[in-house]
Amino acid sequence: MGKLAVDLLGWAGAGVLLLAYGLVSFKKLRADSGYYQFLNALGSCLLIVNTVYYRAYPSAFVNLIWIVIALLASYRIVSRGPSV
């Protein structure tokens, strides 16, 4: 994978994470929604590609933990069933 592609993926990941944060901050999206968790996981996955490519392993580790948190939260959301 070329440097330009890796850079574009990294910027896209940063954009997705900022979008998720902005949507929650302005109450356009709930923090306990599956869509918010999906955006967090997607943004972090894209950033991992970038940080591993540049050997920024501490950042890659943070993003890996971010994904784990998003997956665990998504599991909790799905397991509690539909809201009444």
PDB file of N, CA and C in Angstrom:
ATOM      1  N   MET A   1       0.859  -1.172   0.000  1.00  0.00           N
ATOM      2  CA  MET A   1       0.000   0.000   0.000  1.00  0.00           C
ATOM      3  C   MET A   1       0.902   1.231   0.000  1.00  0.00           C
ATOM      4  N   GLY A   2       0.567   2.182  -0.823  1.00  0.00           N
ATOM      5  CA  GLY A   2       1.384   3.377  -0.968  1.00  0.00           C
ATOM      6  C   GLY A   2       1.174   4.387   0.146  1.00  0.00           C
ATOM      7  N   LYS A   3       2.150   5.267   0.272  1.00  0.00           N
ATOM      8  CA  LYS A   3       2.119   6.302   1.307  1.00  0.00           C
ATOM      9  C   LYS A   3       0.877   7.180   1.192  1.00  0.00           C
ATOM     10  N   LEU A   4       0.507   7.565  -0.023  1.00  0.00           N
ATOM     11  CA  LEU A   4      -0.667   8.418  -0.205  1.00  0.00           C
ATOM     12  C   LEU A   4      -1.935   7.722   0.289  1.00  0.00           C
ATOM     13  N   ALA A   5      -2.080   6.448  -0.040  1.00  0.00           N
ATOM     14  CA  ALA A   5      -3.263   5.696   0.407  1.00  0.00           C
ATOM     15  C   ALA A   5      -3.305   5.606   1.929  1.00  0.00           C
ATOM     16  N   VAL A   6      -2.163   5.344   2.539  1.00  0.00           N
ATOM     17  CA  VAL A   6      -2.086   5.250   3.998  1.00  0.00           C
ATOM     18  C   VAL A   6      -2.421   6.604   4.633  1.00  0.00           C
ATOM     19  N   ASP A   7      -1.904   7.665   4.058  1.00  0.00           N
ATOM     20  CA  ASP A   7      -2.216   9.006   4.577  1.00  0.00           C
ATOM     21  C   ASP A   7      -3.703   9.318   4.441  1.00  0.00           C
ATOM     22  N   LEU A   8      -4.289   8.987   3.300  1.00  0.00           N
ATOM     23  CA  LEU A   8      -5.720   9.227   3.106  1.00  0.00           C
ATOM     24  C   LEU A   8      -6.566   8.422   4.087  1.00  0.00           C
ATOM     25  N   LEU A   9      -6.181   7.171   4.335  1.00  0.00           N
ATOM     26  CA  LEU A   9      -6.904   6.358   5.313  1.00  0.00           C
ATOM     27  C   LEU A   9      -6.788   6.962   6.710  1.00  0.00           C
ATOM     28  N   GLY A  10      -5.613   7.443   7.056  1.00  0.00           N
ATOM     29  CA  GLY A  10      -5.415   8.073   8.360  1.00  0.00           C
ATOM     30  C   GLY A  10      -6.271   9.324   8.520  1.00  0.00           C
ATOM     31  N   TRP A  11      -6.286  10.162   7.497  1.00  0.00           N
ATOM     32  CA  TRP A  11      -7.110  11.377   7.556  1.00  0.00           C
ATOM     33  C   TRP A  11      -8.591  11.024   7.601  1.00  0.00           C
ATOM     34  N   ALA A  12      -8.991  10.015   6.853  1.00  0.00           N
ATOM     35  CA  ALA A  12     -10.395   9.585   6.883  1.00  0.00           C
ATOM     36  C   ALA A  12     -10.755   9.087   8.278  1.00  0.00           C
ATOM     37  N   GLY A  13      -9.868   8.313   8.891  1.00  0.00           N
ATOM     38  CA  GLY A  13     -10.114   7.819  10.246  1.00  0.00           C
ATOM     39  C   GLY A  13     -10.245   8.953  11.245  1.00  0.00           C
ATOM     40  N   ALA A  14      -9.361   9.936  11.137  1.00  0.00           N
ATOM     41  CA  ALA A  14      -9.447  11.093  12.033  1.00  0.00           C
ATOM     42  C   ALA A  14     -10.759  11.826  11.815  1.00  0.00           C
ATOM     43  N   GLY A  15     -11.156  11.968  10.557  1.00  0.00           N
ATOM     44  CA  GLY A  15     -12.416  12.637  10.248  1.00  0.00           C
ATOM     45  C   GLY A  15     -13.626  11.901  10.804  1.00  0.00           C
ATOM     46  N   VAL A  16     -13.612  10.583  10.699  1.00  0.00           N
ATOM     47  CA  VAL A  16     -14.734   9.779  11.210  1.00  0.00           C
ATOM     48  C   VAL A  16     -14.827   9.907  12.731  1.00  0.00           C
ATOM     49  N   LEU A  17     -13.698   9.849  13.422  1.00  0.00           N
ATOM     50  CA  LEU A  17     -13.719   9.996  14.879  1.00  0.00           C
ATOM     51  C   LEU A  17     -14.198  11.384  15.292  1.00  0.00           C
ATOM     52  N   LEU A  18     -13.747  12.400  14.591  1.00  0.00           N
ATOM     53  CA  LEU A  18     -14.192  13.759  14.903  1.00  0.00           C
ATOM     54  C   LEU A  18     -15.673  13.945  14.600  1.00  0.00           C
ATOM     55  N   LEU A  19     -16.147  13.326  13.520  1.00  0.00           N
ATOM     56  CA  LEU A  19     -17.569  13.370  13.199  1.00  0.00           C
ATOM     57  C   LEU A  19     -18.391  12.741  14.324  1.00  0.00           C
ATOM     58  N   ALA A  20     -17.967  11.569  14.777  1.00  0.00           N
ATOM     59  CA  ALA A  20     -18.679  10.888  15.862  1.00  0.00           C
ATOM     60  C   ALA A  20     -18.711  11.752  17.116  1.00  0.00           C
ATOM     61  N   TYR A  21     -17.584  12.322  17.470  1.00  0.00           N
ATOM     62  CA  TYR A  21     -17.504  13.177  18.659  1.00  0.00           C
ATOM     63  C   TYR A  21     -18.392  14.407  18.508  1.00  0.00           C
ATOM     64  N   GLY A  22     -18.355  15.014  17.350  1.00  0.00           N
ATOM     65  CA  GLY A  22     -19.180  16.193  17.103  1.00  0.00           C
ATOM     66  C   GLY A  22     -20.666  15.873  17.160  1.00  0.00           C
ATOM     67  N   LEU A  23     -21.067  14.751  16.571  1.00  0.00           N
ATOM     68  CA  LEU A  23     -22.483  14.368  16.585  1.00  0.00           C
ATOM     69  C   LEU A  23     -22.985  14.140  18.007  1.00  0.00           C
ATOM     70  N   VAL A  24     -22.159  13.522  18.835  1.00  0.00           N
ATOM     71  CA  VAL A  24     -22.559  13.303  20.230  1.00  0.00           C
ATOM     72  C   VAL A  24     -22.541  14.619  20.998  1.00  0.00           C
ATOM     73  N   SER A  25     -21.538  15.428  20.772  1.00  0.00           N
ATOM     74  CA  SER A  25     -21.419  16.693  21.499  1.00  0.00           C
ATOM     75  C   SER A  25     -22.580  17.638  21.216  1.00  0.00           C
ATOM     76  N   PHE A  26     -23.087  17.600  19.990  1.00  0.00           N
ATOM     77  CA  PHE A  26     -24.202  18.473  19.616  1.00  0.00           C
ATOM     78  C   PHE A  26     -25.550  17.754  19.658  1.00  0.00           C
ATOM     79  N   LYS A  27     -25.553  16.600  20.346  1.00  0.00           N
ATOM     80  CA  LYS A  27     -26.774  15.837  20.596  1.00  0.00           C
ATOM     81  C   LYS A  27     -27.526  15.455  19.330  1.00  0.00           C
ATOM     82  N   LYS A  28     -26.779  15.172  18.285  1.00  0.00           N
ATOM     83  CA  LYS A  28     -27.364  14.650  17.053  1.00  0.00           C
ATOM     84  C   LYS A  28     -27.331  13.132  17.047  1.00  0.00           C
ATOM     85  N   LEU A  29     -26.577  12.582  17.978  1.00  0.00           N
ATOM     86  CA  LEU A  29     -26.394  11.142  18.101  1.00  0.00           C
ATOM     87  C   LEU A  29     -26.185  10.830  19.567  1.00  0.00           C
ATOM     88  N   ARG A  30     -26.732   9.727  20.012  1.00  0.00           N
ATOM     89  CA  ARG A  30     -26.558   9.327  21.409  1.00  0.00           C
ATOM     90  C   ARG A  30     -25.278   8.502  21.564  1.00  0.00           C
ATOM     91  N   ALA A  31     -24.605   8.697  22.677  1.00  0.00           N
ATOM     92  CA  ALA A  31     -23.359   7.966  22.933  1.00  0.00           C
ATOM     93  C   ALA A  31     -23.597   6.471  23.105  1.00  0.00           C
ATOM     94  N   ASP A  32     -24.822   6.087  23.454  1.00  0.00           N
ATOM     95  CA  ASP A  32     -25.109   4.665  23.625  1.00  0.00           C
ATOM     96  C   ASP A  32     -25.779   4.062  22.387  1.00  0.00           C
ATOM     97  N   SER A  33     -25.600   4.709  21.236  1.00  0.00           N
ATOM     98  CA  SER A  33     -26.173   4.170  19.999  1.00  0.00           C
ATOM     99  C   SER A  33     -25.153   3.281  19.288  1.00  0.00           C
ATOM    100  N   GLY A  34     -25.663   2.314  18.579  1.00  0.00           N
ATOM    101  CA  GLY A  34     -24.792   1.435  17.799  1.00  0.00           C
ATOM    102  C   GLY A  34     -24.060   2.187  16.704  1.00  0.00           C
ATOM    103  N   TYR A  35     -24.711   3.193  16.120  1.00  0.00           N
ATOM    104  CA  TYR A  35     -24.086   3.973  15.051  1.00  0.00           C
ATOM    105  C   TYR A  35     -22.859   4.722  15.571  1.00  0.00           C
ATOM    106  N   TYR A  36     -22.962   5.283  16.762  1.00  0.00           N
ATOM    107  CA  TYR A  36     -21.819   5.979  17.357  1.00  0.00           C
ATOM    108  C   TYR A  36     -20.662   5.004  17.584  1.00  0.00           C
ATOM    109  N   GLN A  37     -20.975   3.837  18.109  1.00  0.00           N
ATOM    110  CA  GLN A  37     -19.938   2.836  18.353  1.00  0.00           C
ATOM    111  C   GLN A  37     -19.309   2.369  17.038  1.00  0.00           C
ATOM    112  N   PHE A  38     -20.150   2.225  16.003  1.00  0.00           N
ATOM    113  CA  PHE A  38     -19.634   1.842  14.689  1.00  0.00           C
ATOM    114  C   PHE A  38     -18.661   2.899  14.163  1.00  0.00           C
ATOM    115  N   LEU A  39     -19.030   4.167  14.273  1.00  0.00           N
ATOM    116  CA  LEU A  39     -18.146   5.238  13.814  1.00  0.00           C
ATOM    117  C   LEU A  39     -16.819   5.226  14.572  1.00  0.00           C
ATOM    118  N   ASN A  40     -16.873   4.987  15.882  1.00  0.00           N
ATOM    119  CA  ASN A  40     -15.636   4.907  16.669  1.00  0.00           C
ATOM    120  C   ASN A  40     -14.749   3.757  16.205  1.00  0.00           C
ATOM    121  N   ALA A  41     -15.351   2.597  16.013  1.00  0.00           N
ATOM    122  CA  ALA A  41     -14.567   1.432  15.586  1.00  0.00           C
ATOM    123  C   ALA A  41     -13.992   1.655  14.187  1.00  0.00           C
ATOM    124  N   LEU A  42     -14.794   2.175  13.278  1.00  0.00           N
ATOM    125  CA  LEU A  42     -14.330   2.414  11.908  1.00  0.00           C
ATOM    126  C   LEU A  42     -13.187   3.433  11.881  1.00  0.00           C
ATOM    127  N   GLY A  43     -13.371   4.551  12.567  1.00  0.00           N
ATOM    128  CA  GLY A  43     -12.324   5.567  12.598  1.00  0.00           C
ATOM    129  C   GLY A  43     -11.022   5.024  13.164  1.00  0.00           C
ATOM    130  N   SER A  44     -11.125   4.250  14.218  1.00  0.00           N
ATOM    131  CA  SER A  44      -9.921   3.683  14.828  1.00  0.00           C
ATOM    132  C   SER A  44      -9.256   2.657  13.922  1.00  0.00           C
ATOM    133  N   CYS A  45     -10.046   1.861  13.216  1.00  0.00           N
ATOM    134  CA  CYS A  45      -9.462   0.893  12.272  1.00  0.00           C
ATOM    135  C   CYS A  45      -8.656   1.610  11.191  1.00  0.00           C
ATOM    136  N   LEU A  46      -9.225   2.673  10.672  1.00  0.00           N
ATOM    137  CA  LEU A  46      -8.516   3.428   9.638  1.00  0.00           C
ATOM    138  C   LEU A  46      -7.241   4.062  10.187  1.00  0.00           C
ATOM    139  N   LEU A  47      -7.316   4.573  11.398  1.00  0.00           N
ATOM    140  CA  LEU A  47      -6.122   5.164  12.003  1.00  0.00           C
ATOM    141  C   LEU A  47      -5.054   4.120  12.318  1.00  0.00           C
ATOM    142  N   ILE A  48      -5.468   2.907  12.643  1.00  0.00           N
ATOM    143  CA  ILE A  48      -4.482   1.848  12.912  1.00  0.00           C
ATOM    144  C   ILE A  48      -3.644   1.577  11.672  1.00  0.00           C
ATOM    145  N   VAL A  49      -4.270   1.553  10.508  1.00  0.00           N
ATOM    146  CA  VAL A  49      -3.512   1.344   9.268  1.00  0.00           C
ATOM    147  C   VAL A  49      -2.406   2.395   9.162  1.00  0.00           C
ATOM    148  N   ASN A  50      -2.762   3.632   9.418  1.00  0.00           N
ATOM    149  CA  ASN A  50      -1.817   4.729   9.315  1.00  0.00           C
ATOM    150  C   ASN A  50      -0.727   4.641  10.371  1.00  0.00           C
ATOM    151  N   THR A  51      -1.116   4.411  11.622  1.00  0.00           N
ATOM    152  CA  THR A  51      -0.121   4.430  12.705  1.00  0.00           C
ATOM    153  C   THR A  51       0.826   3.239  12.639  1.00  0.00           C
ATOM    154  N   VAL A  52       0.350   2.085  12.210  1.00  0.00           N
ATOM    155  CA  VAL A  52       1.245   0.935  12.070  1.00  0.00           C
ATOM    156  C   VAL A  52       2.217   1.177  10.911  1.00  0.00           C
ATOM    157  N   TYR A  53       1.715   1.729   9.825  1.00  0.00           N
ATOM    158  CA  TYR A  53       2.574   2.030   8.671  1.00  0.00           C
ATOM    159  C   TYR A  53       3.733   2.934   9.089  1.00  0.00           C
ATOM    160  N   TYR A  54       3.433   3.929   9.910  1.00  0.00           N
ATOM    161  CA  TYR A  54       4.464   4.866  10.352  1.00  0.00           C
ATOM    162  C   TYR A  54       5.151   4.425  11.651  1.00  0.00           C
ATOM    163  N   ARG A  55       4.850   3.216  12.077  1.00  0.00           N
ATOM    164  CA  ARG A  55       5.453   2.630  13.284  1.00  0.00           C
ATOM    165  C   ARG A  55       5.210   3.471  14.532  1.00  0.00           C
ATOM    166  N   ALA A  56       4.041   4.082  14.588  1.00  0.00           N
ATOM    167  CA  ALA A  56       3.633   4.861  15.767  1.00  0.00           C
ATOM    168  C   ALA A  56       2.813   3.924  16.656  1.00  0.00           C
ATOM    169  N   TYR A  57       3.509   2.972  17.250  1.00  0.00           N
ATOM    170  CA  TYR A  57       2.842   1.891  17.973  1.00  0.00           C
ATOM    171  C   TYR A  57       2.043   2.343  19.196  1.00  0.00           C
ATOM    172  N   PRO A  58       2.459   3.359  19.937  1.00  0.00           N
ATOM    173  CA  PRO A  58       1.600   3.806  21.040  1.00  0.00           C
ATOM    174  C   PRO A  58       0.231   4.282  20.539  1.00  0.00           C
ATOM    175  N   SER A  59       0.207   5.005  19.437  1.00  0.00           N
ATOM    176  CA  SER A  59      -1.065   5.446  18.875  1.00  0.00           C
ATOM    177  C   SER A  59      -1.873   4.269  18.344  1.00  0.00           C
ATOM    178  N   ALA A  60      -1.204   3.316  17.731  1.00  0.00           N
ATOM    179  CA  ALA A  60      -1.896   2.117  17.248  1.00  0.00           C
ATOM    180  C   ALA A  60      -2.523   1.365  18.424  1.00  0.00           C
ATOM    181  N   PHE A  61      -1.803   1.293  19.536  1.00  0.00           N
ATOM    182  CA  PHE A  61      -2.323   0.618  20.724  1.00  0.00           C
ATOM    183  C   PHE A  61      -3.565   1.321  21.263  1.00  0.00           C
ATOM    184  N   VAL A  62      -3.518   2.647  21.334  1.00  0.00           N
ATOM    185  CA  VAL A  62      -4.675   3.417  21.803  1.00  0.00           C
ATOM    186  C   VAL A  62      -5.887   3.141  20.906  1.00  0.00           C
ATOM    187  N   ASN A  63      -5.665   3.127  19.604  1.00  0.00           N
ATOM    188  CA  ASN A  63      -6.765   2.865  18.682  1.00  0.00           C
ATOM    189  C   ASN A  63      -7.286   1.437  18.790  1.00  0.00           C
ATOM    190  N   LEU A  64      -6.414   0.499  19.070  1.00  0.00           N
ATOM    191  CA  LEU A  64      -6.851  -0.878  19.290  1.00  0.00           C
ATOM    192  C   LEU A  64      -7.764  -0.955  20.517  1.00  0.00           C
ATOM    193  N   ILE A  65      -7.381  -0.292  21.592  1.00  0.00           N
ATOM    194  CA  ILE A  65      -8.213  -0.262  22.796  1.00  0.00           C
ATOM    195  C   ILE A  65      -9.531   0.444  22.503  1.00  0.00           C
ATOM    196  N   TRP A  66      -9.491   1.501  21.703  1.00  0.00           N
ATOM    197  CA  TRP A  66     -10.691   2.240  21.308  1.00  0.00           C
ATOM    198  C   TRP A  66     -11.665   1.293  20.590  1.00  0.00           C
ATOM    199  N   ILE A  67     -11.141   0.439  19.727  1.00  0.00           N
ATOM    200  CA  ILE A  67     -11.969  -0.538  19.012  1.00  0.00           C
ATOM    201  C   ILE A  67     -12.572  -1.541  19.984  1.00  0.00           C
ATOM    202  N   VAL A  68     -11.769  -2.033  20.919  1.00  0.00           N
ATOM    203  CA  VAL A  68     -12.275  -2.990  21.909  1.00  0.00           C
ATOM    204  C   VAL A  68     -13.411  -2.372  22.718  1.00  0.00           C
ATOM    205  N   ILE A  69     -13.244  -1.139  23.138  1.00  0.00           N
ATOM    206  CA  ILE A  69     -14.304  -0.452  23.886  1.00  0.00           C
ATOM    207  C   ILE A  69     -15.561  -0.337  23.034  1.00  0.00           C
ATOM    208  N   ALA A  70     -15.409   0.049  21.766  1.00  0.00           N
ATOM    209  CA  ALA A  70     -16.563   0.177  20.870  1.00  0.00           C
ATOM    210  C   ALA A  70     -17.260  -1.166  20.675  1.00  0.00           C
ATOM    211  N   LEU A  71     -16.489  -2.237  20.546  1.00  0.00           N
ATOM    212  CA  LEU A  71     -17.088  -3.563  20.376  1.00  0.00           C
ATOM    213  C   LEU A  71     -17.825  -4.013  21.634  1.00  0.00           C
ATOM    214  N   LEU A  72     -17.221  -3.791  22.790  1.00  0.00           N
ATOM    215  CA  LEU A  72     -17.881  -4.164  24.042  1.00  0.00           C
ATOM    216  C   LEU A  72     -19.155  -3.351  24.258  1.00  0.00           C
ATOM    217  N   ALA A  73     -19.101  -2.071  23.962  1.00  0.00           N
ATOM    218  CA  ALA A  73     -20.292  -1.225  24.098  1.00  0.00           C
ATOM    219  C   ALA A  73     -21.369  -1.662  23.114  1.00  0.00           C
ATOM    220  N   SER A  74     -20.966  -2.019  21.899  1.00  0.00           N
ATOM    221  CA  SER A  74     -21.937  -2.493  20.906  1.00  0.00           C
ATOM    222  C   SER A  74     -22.591  -3.787  21.368  1.00  0.00           C
ATOM    223  N   TYR A  75     -21.804  -4.673  21.940  1.00  0.00           N
ATOM    224  CA  TYR A  75     -22.354  -5.923  22.463  1.00  0.00           C
ATOM    225  C   TYR A  75     -23.381  -5.629  23.553  1.00  0.00           C
ATOM    226  N   ARG A  76     -23.068  -4.706  24.434  1.00  0.00           N
ATOM    227  CA  ARG A  76     -23.990  -4.334  25.508  1.00  0.00           C
ATOM    228  C   ARG A  76     -25.279  -3.758  24.926  1.00  0.00           C
ATOM    229  N   ILE A  77     -25.161  -2.917  23.914  1.00  0.00           N
ATOM    230  CA  ILE A  77     -26.333  -2.314  23.282  1.00  0.00           C
ATOM    231  C   ILE A  77     -27.209  -3.396  22.653  1.00  0.00           C
ATOM    232  N   VAL A  78     -26.598  -4.325  21.946  1.00  0.00           N
ATOM    233  CA  VAL A  78     -27.362  -5.395  21.288  1.00  0.00           C
ATOM    234  C   VAL A  78     -27.971  -6.340  22.306  1.00  0.00           C
ATOM    235  N   SER A  79     -27.250  -6.656  23.366  1.00  0.00           N
ATOM    236  CA  SER A  79     -27.742  -7.638  24.337  1.00  0.00           C
ATOM    237  C   SER A  79     -28.859  -7.111  25.200  1.00  0.00           C
ATOM    238  N   ARG A  80     -28.968  -5.808  25.360  1.00  0.00           N
ATOM    239  CA  ARG A  80     -30.052  -5.271  26.188  1.00  0.00           C
ATOM    240  C   ARG A  80     -31.375  -5.191  25.425  1.00  0.00           C
ATOM    241  N   GLY A  81     -31.308  -5.372  24.110  1.00  0.00           N
ATOM    242  CA  GLY A  81     -32.529  -5.419  23.316  1.00  0.00           C
ATOM    243  C   GLY A  81     -33.052  -4.041  22.984  1.00  0.00           C
ATOM    244  N   PRO A  82     -34.179  -4.005  22.281  1.00  0.00           N
ATOM    245  CA  PRO A  82     -34.749  -2.713  21.874  1.00  0.00           C
ATOM    246  C   PRO A  82     -35.270  -1.913  23.064  1.00  0.00           C
ATOM    247  N   SER A  83     -35.093  -0.602  22.928  1.00  0.00           N
ATOM    248  CA  SER A  83     -35.586   0.306  23.984  1.00  0.00           C
ATOM    249  C   SER A  83     -37.092   0.442  23.888  1.00  0.00           C
ATOM    250  N   VAL A  84     -37.708   0.677  25.042  1.00  0.00           N
ATOM    251  CA  VAL A  84     -39.161   0.839  25.070  1.00  0.00           C
ATOM    252  C   VAL A  84     -39.522   2.300  25.002  1.00  0.00           C
TER     253      VAL A  84
END
